[in-house]
Amino acid sequence: MTAKILLIYPRSNKHLGLWKDLSFDNRVLLRCTDRRNISKFLRLFGSIFIRVHNHFVHLPFHNTWYNYHDLYKIIESVDHLVLVDGALNVVSLSELKKCKRINPSLKVSLYLINSLRAGSPILNKVRPLIGLFKWDNIFTFDPIDARDYGYTYLAFNYYSSHGILNDCSVENDAYFVGGLKGGRNDLINETYNYLTNLGVKCLFDIMLPKTCSTGSLVGVHYYHGWRPYDEILSNVNKSKCIIEITQEYQSGATLRYFEAVCMNRKLISNNENIINFPFYNPKWMKVFHTPDEIDTDWMMCEEVVDYGYNGEFSPVHLIDYLQQ
C-alpha cells in the first residue's frame, strides 16, 4: 500500500516519541523538523557566497538542513499533509503553498496539540500564521479552543505508550514535572509546600525559564531544558500519584493524563475537564483547585490501579480517522 498521509512533527515531539507507533505504518510518511547531519563545510559556514556584479551574495541552506528536505519530491504521491503545530515554526507558509501548486488536490491540515490560549512558547510564532493559510482542517486537542475558534476537536490520538512495566519499588507518593510558565508558578510552589508539610513524599522536577538561574523550594530538582522522557517515565513509575498542574486557560489533556492511564497511576489535576476524558475514574482521578483540597491519605495510599488501557490513544487511530 502506498502511503497516503505525510505527517510533519516538530523536534520538540521527537524526544517524547509521540508518533513512534506510526514508524512502521505503511499508510503514513513521518518527517521531523529536526536538523539533518550535514557536511563539515556547511556546519562551519552554514551558507555559500557567490559573486554577482562585484558583490558577494549570501545564499543560506537552511531548508536543506531539515529532515523534511525531500518534501517536494514526495508531495505528489500523498493525499494529505498534516502539520503538527510546532512544525509551523520551521516549515514556512511558502513551502506549504508550493506543495499545493505541485499537488493541487492535496489536503493540508494543522493539528494543534498545545492550547492557543495558554502560554506555551512553542506557539508564540505559530498563532499569527494560522490565519494566513487556507487549511483544509484545523484539529485541536483543546475542547475550549475547538468551541471558541470552530476547530475540530481531536484530542486522544497522539500518544504512543512506551511499554514501561509497573515497578513494585515505589519511592514517592507524588510526582510533578513541568515548567514555570503559563501562570501556574504559585500553584506549583504552594502545592509542594502544602504536601511536604503534611509528610507526603514528593518528587518535583521543575524546569526554570532561561531568565531564572535558581529556584526557591528546598528539595525540588530545578533544571533548564528538557529532561529525557525515559527519565520522566521512570519517575512516574516510581510514584503512586501524578500531579498535573496545567497552564492557565488550558483545558486539553496533558502528557501527565496519558501517562497516568497508560502506566496505571493515580492522577490529581487542576483541570476540571478530566471528568469528561476517556478512562476517567473518580476512584483514581481527582480534581483540585487549591492545595488544601487534596486528600493526602488517598494520595499516599498504595493500591492497585488499572484503567484497562489497550492502545486507545495511539496515533494509529489518527490515521484511521483521516482515512475515513
C-alpha atoms as a PDB file:
ATOM      1  CA  MET A   1       0.000   0.000   0.000  1.00  0.00           C
ATOM      2  CA  THR A   2       1.311   3.452  -0.916  1.00  0.00           C
ATOM      3  CA  ALA A   3       1.472   5.999   1.887  1.00  0.00           C
ATOM      4  CA  LYS A   4      -1.387   8.479   1.585  1.00  0.00           C
ATOM      5  CA  ILE A   5      -0.606  10.773   4.526  1.00  0.00           C
ATOM      6  CA  LEU A   6       2.501  12.828   5.258  1.00  0.00           C
ATOM      7  CA  LEU A   7       2.797  13.899   8.898  1.00  0.00           C
ATOM      8  CA  ILE A   8       5.423  16.509   9.806  1.00  0.00           C
ATOM      9  CA  TYR A   9       6.029  16.965  13.515  1.00  0.00           C
ATOM     10  CA  PRO A  10       8.305  19.361  15.451  1.00  0.00           C
ATOM     11  CA  ARG A  11      11.571  18.310  17.017  1.00  0.00           C
ATOM     12  CA  SER A  12      10.003  19.059  20.431  1.00  0.00           C
ATOM     13  CA  ASN A  13       7.909  15.888  19.900  1.00  0.00           C
ATOM     14  CA  LYS A  14      10.905  13.769  18.995  1.00  0.00           C
ATOM     15  CA  HIS A  15      12.280  13.052  22.471  1.00  0.00           C
ATOM     16  CA  LEU A  16       8.750  12.206  23.636  1.00  0.00           C
ATOM     17  CA  GLY A  17       8.257   9.544  20.968  1.00  0.00           C
ATOM     18  CA  LEU A  18       4.669  10.686  20.440  1.00  0.00           C
ATOM     19  CA  TRP A  19       4.434   9.351  16.886  1.00  0.00           C
ATOM     20  CA  LYS A  20       6.556   6.207  17.164  1.00  0.00           C
ATOM     21  CA  ASP A  21       3.554   3.885  16.722  1.00  0.00           C
ATOM     22  CA  LEU A  22       3.429   5.132  13.118  1.00  0.00           C
ATOM     23  CA  SER A  23       7.038   4.240  12.344  1.00  0.00           C
ATOM     24  CA  PHE A  24       6.074   1.032  10.537  1.00  0.00           C
ATOM     25  CA  ASP A  25       2.616   2.057   9.346  1.00  0.00           C
ATOM     26  CA  ASN A  26       2.736   1.987   5.552  1.00  0.00           C
ATOM     27  CA  ARG A  27      -0.220   4.379   5.307  1.00  0.00           C
ATOM     28  CA  VAL A  28       1.845   7.316   6.550  1.00  0.00           C
ATOM     29  CA  LEU A  29       5.195   9.007   5.960  1.00  0.00           C
ATOM     30  CA  LEU A  30       6.771  10.663   9.004  1.00  0.00           C
ATOM     31  CA  ARG A  31       9.070  13.666   8.856  1.00  0.00           C
ATOM     32  CA  CYS A  32      10.547  15.694  11.706  1.00  0.00           C
ATOM     33  CA  THR A  33      11.764  19.292  11.671  1.00  0.00           C
ATOM     34  CA  ASP A  34      14.934  18.173  13.392  1.00  0.00           C
ATOM     35  CA  ARG A  35      18.131  19.154  11.615  1.00  0.00           C
ATOM     36  CA  ARG A  36      19.981  16.683   9.446  1.00  0.00           C
ATOM     37  CA  ASN A  37      23.623  15.735   9.700  1.00  0.00           C
ATOM     38  CA  ILE A  38      25.374  17.992   7.223  1.00  0.00           C
ATOM     39  CA  SER A  39      28.865  18.186   5.862  1.00  0.00           C
ATOM     40  CA  LYS A  40      31.680  19.685   7.881  1.00  0.00           C
ATOM     41  CA  PHE A  41      31.918  22.530   5.380  1.00  0.00           C
ATOM     42  CA  LEU A  42      28.259  23.524   5.855  1.00  0.00           C
ATOM     43  CA  ARG A  43      28.494  23.158   9.628  1.00  0.00           C
ATOM     44  CA  LEU A  44      31.355  25.618   9.585  1.00  0.00           C
ATOM     45  CA  PHE A  45      29.925  28.120   7.163  1.00  0.00           C
ATOM     46  CA  GLY A  46      26.164  27.430   7.002  1.00  0.00           C
ATOM     47  CA  SER A  47      25.999  29.168   3.629  1.00  0.00           C
ATOM     48  CA  ILE A  48      27.817  29.916   0.432  1.00  0.00           C
ATOM     49  CA  PHE A  49      28.688  33.169  -1.222  1.00  0.00           C
ATOM     50  CA  ILE A  50      28.616  33.831  -4.950  1.00  0.00           C
ATOM     51  CA  ARG A  51      29.888  36.868  -6.749  1.00  0.00           C
ATOM     52  CA  VAL A  52      27.238  38.893  -8.596  1.00  0.00           C
ATOM     53  CA  HIS A  53      28.231  42.222 -10.213  1.00  0.00           C
ATOM     54  CA  ASN A  54      31.276  42.512  -7.942  1.00  0.00           C
ATOM     55  CA  HIS A  55      29.204  41.856  -4.804  1.00  0.00           C
ATOM     56  CA  PHE A  56      29.107  38.727  -2.711  1.00  0.00           C
ATOM     57  CA  VAL A  57      25.575  37.385  -2.295  1.00  0.00           C
ATOM     58  CA  HIS A  58      24.746  35.221   0.717  1.00  0.00           C
ATOM     59  CA  LEU A  59      22.841  32.020  -0.113  1.00  0.00           C
ATOM     60  CA  PRO A  60      21.592  30.234   3.022  1.00  0.00           C
ATOM     61  CA  PHE A  61      20.974  26.474   3.016  1.00  0.00           C
ATOM     62  CA  HIS A  62      18.549  26.426   5.936  1.00  0.00           C
ATOM     63  CA  ASN A  63      15.700  24.442   4.311  1.00  0.00           C
ATOM     64  CA  THR A  64      18.016  21.664   3.147  1.00  0.00           C
ATOM     65  CA  TRP A  65      19.235  21.105   6.702  1.00  0.00           C
ATOM     66  CA  TYR A  66      15.956  19.675   7.963  1.00  0.00           C
ATOM     67  CA  ASN A  67      14.670  16.118   7.926  1.00  0.00           C
ATOM     68  CA  TYR A  68      11.723  17.069   5.738  1.00  0.00           C
ATOM     69  CA  HIS A  69      14.158  18.090   2.973  1.00  0.00           C
ATOM     70  CA  ASP A  70      12.525  15.750   0.448  1.00  0.00           C
ATOM     71  CA  LEU A  71       9.118  17.414   0.815  1.00  0.00           C
ATOM     72  CA  TYR A  72       8.741  18.438  -2.828  1.00  0.00           C
ATOM     73  CA  LYS A  73       9.876  15.029  -4.089  1.00  0.00           C
ATOM     74  CA  ILE A  74       7.226  13.095  -2.192  1.00  0.00           C
ATOM     75  CA  ILE A  75       4.314  15.526  -2.099  1.00  0.00           C
ATOM     76  CA  GLU A  76       2.829  14.315  -5.403  1.00  0.00           C
ATOM     77  CA  SER A  77       2.470  10.800  -4.009  1.00  0.00           C
ATOM     78  CA  VAL A  78       0.417  11.709  -0.917  1.00  0.00           C
ATOM     79  CA  ASP A  79      -3.167  12.858  -0.469  1.00  0.00           C
ATOM     80  CA  HIS A  80      -2.942  14.638   2.862  1.00  0.00           C
ATOM     81  CA  LEU A  81      -0.219  16.646   4.606  1.00  0.00           C
ATOM     82  CA  VAL A  82      -0.708  17.027   8.366  1.00  0.00           C
ATOM     83  CA  LEU A  83       1.455  19.585  10.157  1.00  0.00           C
ATOM     84  CA  VAL A  84       1.715  19.248  13.949  1.00  0.00           C
ATOM     85  CA  ASP A  85       1.596  22.728  15.490  1.00  0.00           C
ATOM     86  CA  GLY A  86       5.256  23.430  16.402  1.00  0.00           C
ATOM     87  CA  ALA A  87       6.408  22.322  12.963  1.00  0.00           C
ATOM     88  CA  LEU A  88       4.965  25.601  11.678  1.00  0.00           C
ATOM     89  CA  ASN A  89       7.908  27.312  13.378  1.00  0.00           C
ATOM     90  CA  VAL A  90      10.131  25.706  10.736  1.00  0.00           C
ATOM     91  CA  VAL A  91       8.005  24.760   7.722  1.00  0.00           C
ATOM     92  CA  SER A  92       7.110  28.030   6.018  1.00  0.00           C
ATOM     93  CA  LEU A  93       3.770  29.011   4.538  1.00  0.00           C
ATOM     94  CA  SER A  94       5.504  29.468   1.195  1.00  0.00           C
ATOM     95  CA  GLU A  95       6.594  25.824   1.309  1.00  0.00           C
ATOM     96  CA  LEU A  96       3.031  24.727   2.034  1.00  0.00           C
ATOM     97  CA  LYS A  97       1.726  26.849  -0.845  1.00  0.00           C
ATOM     98  CA  LYS A  98       4.313  25.333  -3.171  1.00  0.00           C
ATOM     99  CA  CYS A  99       3.148  21.862  -2.118  1.00  0.00           C
ATOM    100  CA  LYS A 100      -0.381  22.825  -3.140  1.00  0.00           C
ATOM    101  CA  ARG A 101       0.868  24.051  -6.505  1.00  0.00           C
ATOM    102  CA  ILE A 102       2.733  20.796  -7.114  1.00  0.00           C
ATOM    103  CA  ASN A 103      -0.245  18.716  -5.986  1.00  0.00           C
ATOM    104  CA  PRO A 104      -3.465  20.769  -6.366  1.00  0.00           C
ATOM    105  CA  SER A 105      -5.646  18.012  -4.887  1.00  0.00           C
ATOM    106  CA  LEU A 106      -3.520  17.839  -1.720  1.00  0.00           C
ATOM    107  CA  LYS A 107      -5.247  18.403   1.626  1.00  0.00           C
ATOM    108  CA  VAL A 108      -3.208  20.375   4.159  1.00  0.00           C
ATOM    109  CA  SER A 109      -4.240  20.239   7.821  1.00  0.00           C
ATOM    110  CA  LEU A 110      -2.913  21.691  11.059  1.00  0.00           C
ATOM    111  CA  TYR A 111      -3.033  19.663  14.284  1.00  0.00           C
ATOM    112  CA  LEU A 112      -2.761  21.693  17.491  1.00  0.00           C
ATOM    113  CA  ILE A 113      -1.607  19.645  20.482  1.00  0.00           C
ATOM    114  CA  ASN A 114      -0.924  22.800  22.508  1.00  0.00           C
ATOM    115  CA  SER A 115      -3.585  25.239  23.650  1.00  0.00           C
ATOM    116  CA  LEU A 116      -3.816  28.527  21.756  1.00  0.00           C
ATOM    117  CA  ARG A 117      -4.935  30.374  24.864  1.00  0.00           C
ATOM    118  CA  ALA A 118      -2.222  29.072  27.189  1.00  0.00           C
ATOM    119  CA  GLY A 119       1.324  30.370  27.375  1.00  0.00           C
ATOM    120  CA  SER A 120       3.250  27.616  25.628  1.00  0.00           C
ATOM    121  CA  PRO A 121       6.287  29.269  23.960  1.00  0.00           C
ATOM    122  CA  ILE A 122       6.120  26.789  21.075  1.00  0.00           C
ATOM    123  CA  LEU A 123       3.011  28.591  19.784  1.00  0.00           C
ATOM    124  CA  ASN A 124       4.293  32.167  20.057  1.00  0.00           C
ATOM    125  CA  LYS A 125       5.240  32.301  16.371  1.00  0.00           C
ATOM    126  CA  VAL A 126       2.559  29.847  15.265  1.00  0.00           C
ATOM    127  CA  ARG A 127      -0.517  31.829  16.378  1.00  0.00           C
ATOM    128  CA  PRO A 128      -0.166  34.731  13.898  1.00  0.00           C
ATOM    129  CA  LEU A 129       0.499  32.327  10.999  1.00  0.00           C
ATOM    130  CA  ILE A 130      -2.647  30.226  11.371  1.00  0.00           C
ATOM    131  CA  GLY A 131      -4.935  32.737   9.672  1.00  0.00           C
ATOM    132  CA  LEU A 132      -2.540  33.341   6.776  1.00  0.00           C
ATOM    133  CA  PHE A 133      -3.062  29.952   5.137  1.00  0.00           C
ATOM    134  CA  LYS A 134      -6.166  28.211   3.828  1.00  0.00           C
ATOM    135  CA  TRP A 135      -6.159  24.977   5.829  1.00  0.00           C
ATOM    136  CA  ASP A 136      -8.428  22.130   4.835  1.00  0.00           C
ATOM    137  CA  ASN A 137      -8.783  21.246   8.532  1.00  0.00           C
ATOM    138  CA  ILE A 138      -7.579  22.573  11.853  1.00  0.00           C
ATOM    139  CA  PHE A 139      -7.685  19.950  14.572  1.00  0.00           C
ATOM    140  CA  THR A 140      -7.172  20.714  18.262  1.00  0.00           C
ATOM    141  CA  PHE A 141      -6.728  18.721  21.450  1.00  0.00           C
ATOM    142  CA  ASP A 142      -8.337  21.510  23.481  1.00  0.00           C
ATOM    143  CA  PRO A 143     -12.166  21.467  23.759  1.00  0.00           C
ATOM    144  CA  ILE A 144     -12.386  25.192  24.589  1.00  0.00           C
ATOM    145  CA  ASP A 145     -10.229  26.111  21.576  1.00  0.00           C
ATOM    146  CA  ALA A 146     -12.478  23.905  19.439  1.00  0.00           C
ATOM    147  CA  ARG A 147     -15.558  25.733  20.718  1.00  0.00           C
ATOM    148  CA  ASP A 148     -14.137  29.266  20.509  1.00  0.00           C
ATOM    149  CA  TYR A 149     -12.395  29.006  17.132  1.00  0.00           C
ATOM    150  CA  GLY A 150     -14.585  26.458  15.367  1.00  0.00           C
ATOM    151  CA  TYR A 151     -11.789  23.881  15.054  1.00  0.00           C
ATOM    152  CA  THR A 152     -12.350  20.124  15.020  1.00  0.00           C
ATOM    153  CA  TYR A 153     -11.886  18.557  18.446  1.00  0.00           C
ATOM    154  CA  LEU A 154      -9.469  15.636  18.100  1.00  0.00           C
ATOM    155  CA  ALA A 155      -7.938  15.008  21.462  1.00  0.00           C
ATOM    156  CA  PHE A 156      -6.811  11.498  22.247  1.00  0.00           C
ATOM    157  CA  ASN A 157      -4.789  10.058  19.386  1.00  0.00           C
ATOM    158  CA  TYR A 158      -1.237  11.379  19.569  1.00  0.00           C
ATOM    159  CA  TYR A 159       0.351   9.379  22.385  1.00  0.00           C
ATOM    160  CA  SER A 160       2.429   6.280  21.761  1.00  0.00           C
ATOM    161  CA  SER A 161       2.862   4.420  25.048  1.00  0.00           C
ATOM    162  CA  HIS A 162       6.355   3.276  25.922  1.00  0.00           C
ATOM    163  CA  GLY A 163       5.849  -0.185  27.363  1.00  0.00           C
ATOM    164  CA  ILE A 164       7.322   0.577  30.789  1.00  0.00           C
ATOM    165  CA  LEU A 165       6.012  -2.005  33.230  1.00  0.00           C
ATOM    166  CA  ASN A 166       4.783  -1.119  36.693  1.00  0.00           C
ATOM    167  CA  ASP A 167       7.575  -1.242  39.235  1.00  0.00           C
ATOM    168  CA  CYS A 168       6.851  -2.551  42.718  1.00  0.00           C
ATOM    169  CA  SER A 169       9.653  -0.438  44.229  1.00  0.00           C
ATOM    170  CA  VAL A 170       7.587   2.734  44.677  1.00  0.00           C
ATOM    171  CA  GLU A 171       9.727   5.533  46.109  1.00  0.00           C
ATOM    172  CA  ASN A 172       7.453   8.596  46.063  1.00  0.00           C
ATOM    173  CA  ASP A 173       3.903   9.415  46.996  1.00  0.00           C
ATOM    174  CA  ALA A 174       3.556  12.131  44.376  1.00  0.00           C
ATOM    175  CA  TYR A 175       5.403  13.288  41.273  1.00  0.00           C
ATOM    176  CA  PHE A 176       5.217  16.580  39.385  1.00  0.00           C
ATOM    177  CA  VAL A 177       7.198  17.578  36.322  1.00  0.00           C
ATOM    178  CA  GLY A 178       6.782  20.775  34.338  1.00  0.00           C
ATOM    179  CA  GLY A 179       7.977  24.280  33.661  1.00  0.00           C
ATOM    180  CA  LEU A 180       7.389  27.536  35.487  1.00  0.00           C
ATOM    181  CA  LYS A 181       5.210  29.080  32.798  1.00  0.00           C
ATOM    182  CA  GLY A 182       1.613  29.764  31.884  1.00  0.00           C
ATOM    183  CA  GLY A 183       0.559  31.362  35.167  1.00  0.00           C
ATOM    184  CA  ARG A 184       0.902  28.213  37.266  1.00  0.00           C
ATOM    185  CA  ASN A 185       4.012  29.124  39.266  1.00  0.00           C
ATOM    186  CA  ASP A 186       2.239  29.972  42.529  1.00  0.00           C
ATOM    187  CA  LEU A 187       0.086  26.835  42.494  1.00  0.00           C
ATOM    188  CA  ILE A 188       3.144  24.650  41.878  1.00  0.00           C
ATOM    189  CA  ASN A 189       5.009  26.201  44.805  1.00  0.00           C
ATOM    190  CA  GLU A 190       2.003  26.182  47.139  1.00  0.00           C
ATOM    191  CA  THR A 191       1.192  22.555  46.326  1.00  0.00           C
ATOM    192  CA  TYR A 192       4.739  21.416  47.033  1.00  0.00           C
ATOM    193  CA  ASN A 193       4.903  23.251  50.362  1.00  0.00           C
ATOM    194  CA  TYR A 194       1.465  22.020  51.446  1.00  0.00           C
ATOM    195  CA  LEU A 195       2.157  18.377  50.653  1.00  0.00           C
ATOM    196  CA  THR A 196       5.661  18.202  52.123  1.00  0.00           C
ATOM    197  CA  ASN A 197       4.488  19.915  55.337  1.00  0.00           C
ATOM    198  CA  LEU A 198       1.928  17.092  55.725  1.00  0.00           C
ATOM    199  CA  GLY A 199       4.552  14.393  55.257  1.00  0.00           C
ATOM    200  CA  VAL A 200       3.782  13.496  51.642  1.00  0.00           C
ATOM    201  CA  LYS A 201       6.947  12.283  49.948  1.00  0.00           C
ATOM    202  CA  CYS A 202       7.144  14.405  46.814  1.00  0.00           C
ATOM    203  CA  LEU A 203       9.398  14.443  43.798  1.00  0.00           C
ATOM    204  CA  PHE A 204       9.111  17.721  41.875  1.00  0.00           C
ATOM    205  CA  ASP A 205      11.120  18.273  38.693  1.00  0.00           C
ATOM    206  CA  ILE A 206      10.711  21.913  37.667  1.00  0.00           C
ATOM    207  CA  MET A 207      12.097  23.480  34.505  1.00  0.00           C
ATOM    208  CA  LEU A 208      13.192  27.071  35.006  1.00  0.00           C
ATOM    209  CA  PRO A 209      12.823  29.870  32.461  1.00  0.00           C
ATOM    210  CA  LYS A 210      16.040  30.895  30.752  1.00  0.00           C
ATOM    211  CA  THR A 211      15.947  34.164  32.681  1.00  0.00           C
ATOM    212  CA  CYS A 212      15.924  32.376  36.047  1.00  0.00           C
ATOM    213  CA  SER A 213      19.107  30.758  37.352  1.00  0.00           C
ATOM    214  CA  THR A 214      17.854  29.137  40.575  1.00  0.00           C
ATOM    215  CA  GLY A 215      14.622  28.066  42.259  1.00  0.00           C
ATOM    216  CA  SER A 216      13.304  28.833  45.720  1.00  0.00           C
ATOM    217  CA  LEU A 217      11.991  25.491  47.023  1.00  0.00           C
ATOM    218  CA  VAL A 218      14.252  23.264  49.089  1.00  0.00           C
ATOM    219  CA  GLY A 219      14.157  19.649  47.914  1.00  0.00           C
ATOM    220  CA  VAL A 220      12.939  20.420  44.398  1.00  0.00           C
ATOM    221  CA  HIS A 221      15.014  19.421  41.359  1.00  0.00           C
ATOM    222  CA  TYR A 222      15.401  22.510  39.172  1.00  0.00           C
ATOM    223  CA  TYR A 223      16.817  22.374  35.671  1.00  0.00           C
ATOM    224  CA  HIS A 224      16.964  24.136  32.339  1.00  0.00           C
ATOM    225  CA  GLY A 225      15.854  22.437  29.125  1.00  0.00           C
ATOM    226  CA  TRP A 226      14.036  19.164  28.581  1.00  0.00           C
ATOM    227  CA  ARG A 227      14.523  16.145  30.790  1.00  0.00           C
ATOM    228  CA  PRO A 228      14.980  12.833  28.949  1.00  0.00           C
ATOM    229  CA  TYR A 229      11.497  11.394  28.599  1.00  0.00           C
ATOM    230  CA  ASP A 230      12.632   7.954  29.731  1.00  0.00           C
ATOM    231  CA  GLU A 231      13.705   9.609  32.992  1.00  0.00           C
ATOM    232  CA  ILE A 232      10.267  11.205  33.426  1.00  0.00           C
ATOM    233  CA  LEU A 233       8.549   7.878  32.780  1.00  0.00           C
ATOM    234  CA  SER A 234      10.836   6.185  35.270  1.00  0.00           C
ATOM    235  CA  ASN A 235       9.862   8.766  37.908  1.00  0.00           C
ATOM    236  CA  VAL A 236       6.174   8.227  37.120  1.00  0.00           C
ATOM    237  CA  ASN A 237       6.735   4.508  37.544  1.00  0.00           C
ATOM    238  CA  LYS A 238       8.266   5.056  40.986  1.00  0.00           C
ATOM    239  CA  SER A 239       5.387   7.229  42.225  1.00  0.00           C
ATOM    240  CA  LYS A 240       1.893   6.441  43.494  1.00  0.00           C
ATOM    241  CA  CYS A 241       0.289   9.581  42.143  1.00  0.00           C
ATOM    242  CA  ILE A 242       0.961  12.072  39.330  1.00  0.00           C
ATOM    243  CA  ILE A 243       0.271  15.749  39.984  1.00  0.00           C
ATOM    244  CA  GLU A 244      -0.950  17.634  36.930  1.00  0.00           C
ATOM    245  CA  ILE A 245      -0.962  21.439  37.110  1.00  0.00           C
ATOM    246  CA  THR A 246      -1.938  22.883  33.766  1.00  0.00           C
ATOM    247  CA  GLN A 247      -1.161  26.288  32.364  1.00  0.00           C
ATOM    248  CA  GLU A 248      -3.867  28.921  32.639  1.00  0.00           C
ATOM    249  CA  TYR A 249      -6.624  28.608  30.011  1.00  0.00           C
ATOM    250  CA  GLN A 250      -5.625  25.064  29.043  1.00  0.00           C
ATOM    251  CA  SER A 251      -8.421  22.525  29.109  1.00  0.00           C
ATOM    252  CA  GLY A 252      -6.972  19.721  26.962  1.00  0.00           C
ATOM    253  CA  ALA A 253      -5.246  16.590  28.205  1.00  0.00           C
ATOM    254  CA  THR A 254      -1.545  16.859  29.030  1.00  0.00           C
ATOM    255  CA  LEU A 255       1.074  14.133  28.927  1.00  0.00           C
ATOM    256  CA  ARG A 256       0.510  13.578  32.654  1.00  0.00           C
ATOM    257  CA  TYR A 257      -3.025  12.389  31.924  1.00  0.00           C
ATOM    258  CA  PHE A 258      -1.810   9.987  29.224  1.00  0.00           C
ATOM    259  CA  GLU A 259       0.950   8.677  31.496  1.00  0.00           C
ATOM    260  CA  ALA A 260      -1.486   8.076  34.358  1.00  0.00           C
ATOM    261  CA  VAL A 261      -3.786   5.986  32.147  1.00  0.00           C
ATOM    262  CA  CYS A 262      -1.061   4.118  30.265  1.00  0.00           C
ATOM    263  CA  MET A 263       1.004   3.393  33.388  1.00  0.00           C
ATOM    264  CA  ASN A 264      -1.867   2.874  35.834  1.00  0.00           C
ATOM    265  CA  ARG A 265      -1.120   5.698  38.247  1.00  0.00           C
ATOM    266  CA  LYS A 266      -3.408   7.924  40.273  1.00  0.00           C
ATOM    267  CA  LEU A 267      -3.848  11.430  38.925  1.00  0.00           C
ATOM    268  CA  ILE A 268      -4.697  14.646  40.718  1.00  0.00           C
ATOM    269  CA  SER A 269      -5.253  17.598  38.412  1.00  0.00           C
ATOM    270  CA  ASN A 270      -6.414  21.209  38.425  1.00  0.00           C
ATOM    271  CA  ASN A 271      -8.024  20.559  35.021  1.00  0.00           C
ATOM    272  CA  GLU A 272     -11.753  20.166  35.638  1.00  0.00           C
ATOM    273  CA  ASN A 273     -12.169  18.626  32.195  1.00  0.00           C
ATOM    274  CA  ILE A 274     -10.601  15.318  33.212  1.00  0.00           C
ATOM    275  CA  ILE A 275     -14.062  14.183  34.319  1.00  0.00           C
ATOM    276  CA  ASN A 276     -15.057  14.253  30.625  1.00  0.00           C
ATOM    277  CA  PHE A 277     -11.998  12.364  29.361  1.00  0.00           C
ATOM    278  CA  PRO A 278     -11.973   8.680  28.448  1.00  0.00           C
ATOM    279  CA  PHE A 279     -10.844   6.369  31.255  1.00  0.00           C
ATOM    280  CA  TYR A 280     -11.839   8.899  33.914  1.00  0.00           C
ATOM    281  CA  ASN A 281     -12.408   7.032  37.153  1.00  0.00           C
ATOM    282  CA  PRO A 282     -13.190   9.026  40.331  1.00  0.00           C
ATOM    283  CA  LYS A 283     -11.547   6.305  42.374  1.00  0.00           C
ATOM    284  CA  TRP A 284      -8.164   7.079  40.844  1.00  0.00           C
ATOM    285  CA  MET A 285      -8.534  10.596  39.427  1.00  0.00           C
ATOM    286  CA  LYS A 286      -9.273  13.730  41.478  1.00  0.00           C
ATOM    287  CA  VAL A 287      -9.672  17.431  40.690  1.00  0.00           C
ATOM    288  CA  PHE A 288      -8.302  20.170  42.938  1.00  0.00           C
ATOM    289  CA  HIS A 289      -8.261  23.958  42.802  1.00  0.00           C
ATOM    290  CA  THR A 290      -6.230  24.780  45.905  1.00  0.00           C
ATOM    291  CA  PRO A 291      -3.744  22.562  47.752  1.00  0.00           C
ATOM    292  CA  ASP A 292      -5.948  22.206  50.833  1.00  0.00           C
ATOM    293  CA  GLU A 293      -8.483  20.315  48.693  1.00  0.00           C
ATOM    294  CA  ILE A 294      -6.015  17.464  48.169  1.00  0.00           C
ATOM    295  CA  ASP A 295      -6.801  14.245  50.013  1.00  0.00           C
ATOM    296  CA  THR A 296      -3.307  13.309  51.144  1.00  0.00           C
ATOM    297  CA  ASP A 297      -4.449   9.974  52.637  1.00  0.00           C
ATOM    298  CA  TRP A 298      -5.786   8.973  49.208  1.00  0.00           C
ATOM    299  CA  MET A 299      -2.588  10.175  47.576  1.00  0.00           C
ATOM    300  CA  MET A 300      -0.305   8.192  49.884  1.00  0.00           C
ATOM    301  CA  CYS A 301      -2.397   5.008  49.940  1.00  0.00           C
ATOM    302  CA  GLU A 302      -0.761   2.311  47.859  1.00  0.00           C
ATOM    303  CA  GLU A 303      -3.324   0.385  45.835  1.00  0.00           C
ATOM    304  CA  VAL A 304      -3.658  -1.442  42.526  1.00  0.00           C
ATOM    305  CA  VAL A 305      -4.751   0.937  39.767  1.00  0.00           C
ATOM    306  CA  ASP A 306      -5.985  -0.433  36.460  1.00  0.00           C
ATOM    307  CA  TYR A 307      -7.686   1.713  33.805  1.00  0.00           C
ATOM    308  CA  GLY A 308      -7.855  -1.155  31.310  1.00  0.00           C
ATOM    309  CA  TYR A 309      -5.919   0.787  28.669  1.00  0.00           C
ATOM    310  CA  ASN A 310      -5.324  -1.065  25.406  1.00  0.00           C
ATOM    311  CA  GLY A 311      -3.736   1.352  22.931  1.00  0.00           C
ATOM    312  CA  GLU A 312      -6.707   3.700  22.545  1.00  0.00           C
ATOM    313  CA  PHE A 313      -4.504   6.842  22.472  1.00  0.00           C
ATOM    314  CA  SER A 314      -2.234   5.599  19.706  1.00  0.00           C
ATOM    315  CA  PRO A 315      -1.739   7.865  16.642  1.00  0.00           C
ATOM    316  CA  VAL A 316      -2.659   4.806  14.578  1.00  0.00           C
ATOM    317  CA  HIS A 317      -6.235   5.881  15.311  1.00  0.00           C
ATOM    318  CA  LEU A 318      -5.461   9.343  13.923  1.00  0.00           C
ATOM    319  CA  ILE A 319      -4.591   7.752  10.590  1.00  0.00           C
ATOM    320  CA  ASP A 320      -7.763   5.651  10.778  1.00  0.00           C
ATOM    321  CA  TYR A 321      -9.764   8.853  11.288  1.00  0.00           C
ATOM    322  CA  LEU A 322      -8.067  10.754   8.470  1.00  0.00           C
ATOM    323  CA  GLN A 323      -8.704   7.937   6.027  1.00  0.00           C
ATOM    324  CA  GLN A 324     -12.434   7.704   6.719  1.00  0.00           C
END
